[in-house]
Every structure is written in C-alpha cells, then in structure tokens.
Protein backbone atom coordinates (compact mmCIF):
# COMPACT_ATOMS: atom_id res chain seq x y z
CA MET A 1 -24.06 19.52 12.17
CA GLN A 2 -22.89 22.01 9.58
CA LEU A 3 -22.00 21.37 5.94
CA LEU A 4 -19.96 23.62 3.68
CA VAL A 5 -21.03 23.71 0.00
CA ARG A 6 -18.31 24.84 -2.37
CA ASP A 7 -19.01 26.17 -5.88
CA ASN A 8 -22.68 25.16 -5.61
CA ASN A 9 -21.59 21.52 -5.82
CA ILE A 10 -24.45 19.92 -3.89
CA ASP A 11 -23.58 16.36 -4.96
CA GLN A 12 -20.13 16.52 -3.42
CA ALA A 13 -21.51 18.11 -0.25
CA ILE A 14 -24.08 15.32 0.17
CA ARG A 15 -21.37 12.69 -0.40
CA VAL A 16 -19.22 14.29 2.29
CA LEU A 17 -22.22 14.43 4.62
CA LYS A 18 -22.98 10.75 4.16
CA LYS A 19 -19.43 9.44 4.17
CA LYS A 20 -17.64 11.52 6.74
CA LYS A 21 -19.98 13.38 9.03
CA MET A 22 -22.73 10.81 9.56
CA GLN A 23 -20.23 8.00 9.99
CA ARG A 24 -18.21 10.01 12.51
CA GLU A 25 -21.37 10.82 14.46
CA GLY A 26 -22.29 7.13 14.55
CA LEU A 27 -25.68 7.61 12.93
CA PHE A 28 -25.38 4.62 10.59
CA GLN A 29 -24.45 2.32 13.46
CA GLU A 30 -27.31 3.64 15.58
CA MET A 31 -29.84 3.13 12.77
CA LYS A 32 -28.58 -0.42 12.32
CA GLU A 33 -28.93 -1.14 16.04
CA ARG A 34 -32.46 0.28 16.22
CA ARG A 35 -33.87 -1.85 13.40
CA ALA A 36 -34.93 -4.49 15.90
CA TYR A 37 -35.31 -4.62 19.66
CA GLU A 38 -32.20 -5.65 21.53
CA LYS A 39 -32.54 -7.10 24.99
CA PRO A 40 -30.58 -5.23 27.69
CA SER A 41 -28.48 -8.32 28.43
CA GLU A 42 -27.56 -8.69 24.75
CA ARG A 43 -26.72 -4.98 24.59
CA ARG A 44 -24.36 -5.28 27.58
CA ILE A 45 -22.65 -8.28 26.00
CA ARG A 46 -22.23 -6.44 22.67
CA GLU A 47 -20.94 -3.26 24.30
CA LYS A 48 -18.47 -5.20 26.44
CA ALA A 49 -17.15 -7.04 23.38
CA GLN A 50 -16.76 -3.72 21.54
CA ALA A 51 -14.88 -2.22 24.50
CA ILE A 52 -12.50 -5.21 24.62
CA SER A 53 -11.92 -4.90 20.87
CA ARG A 54 -11.20 -1.15 21.18
CA HIS A 55 -8.79 -1.78 24.06
CA ARG A 56 -6.90 -4.47 22.13
CA LYS A 57 -6.67 -2.25 19.07
CA ALA A 58 -5.35 0.68 21.13
CA ALA A 59 -2.77 -1.57 22.83
CA ARG A 60 -1.64 -2.95 19.45
CA LYS A 61 -1.29 0.58 18.01
CA LYS A 62 0.70 1.67 21.07
CA LEU A 63 3.11 -1.26 20.69
CA GLN A 64 3.51 -0.47 16.99
CA ARG A 65 4.32 3.17 17.76
CA GLU A 66 6.90 2.10 20.33
CA GLY A 67 8.45 -0.29 17.82
CA LEU A 68 7.89 -3.44 19.86
CA ILE A 69 5.86 -5.11 17.11
CA ALA A 70 6.01 -4.56 13.36
CA ALA A 71 3.24 -2.67 11.66
CA PRO A 72 1.18 -4.72 9.19
CA ARG A 73 2.31 -4.53 5.59
CA ARG A 74 0.09 -2.71 3.17
CA LYS A 75 -1.11 -4.49 0.07
CA ALA A 76 0.36 -3.29 -3.19
CA SER A 77 -2.09 -1.26 -5.19
CA THR A 78 -3.13 -2.90 -8.48
CA ARG A 79 -4.33 0.34 -10.04
C-alpha cells in the first residue's frame, strides 16, 4: 500500500489512509471479524448471507440503470 503526502500534510495523508485505503482493502472488517473466534459453520452462514445481499444489490442497481425501477430519492441537504 502506498500513500502520497502532499505539501508535508501528514494529517490529511493519515486521514486518507484510514478512510479510503484501509476501508477499500477490508482491513477494518477483518479486524472486527477476528476479535473473537467464529465457528466455521457460522462463518459459512455469514458469508452466504453477504453474497445474497451483494447479489440483490447488484440486481437492483442493474434494474435502476435499465430504467425498470426508479432510483431512490436523495434526502434534501439541511446544510
């Protein structure tokens, strides 16, 4: 993993590392999963549920792109 530091701004570089890179790599999720032992049967059940969820999300996105279902409305910003 490589991190680019611009204008000697270490704080911003660390924020980017934590937010973007580590999350994309799945390190936070892995640390959370390794806190306690997970039985192999429970792991299979969890992974299968995650796969089903990913599949449903991909199918929903595909239907939205094709225009068969409406995309969800975004909440109005209160800022």
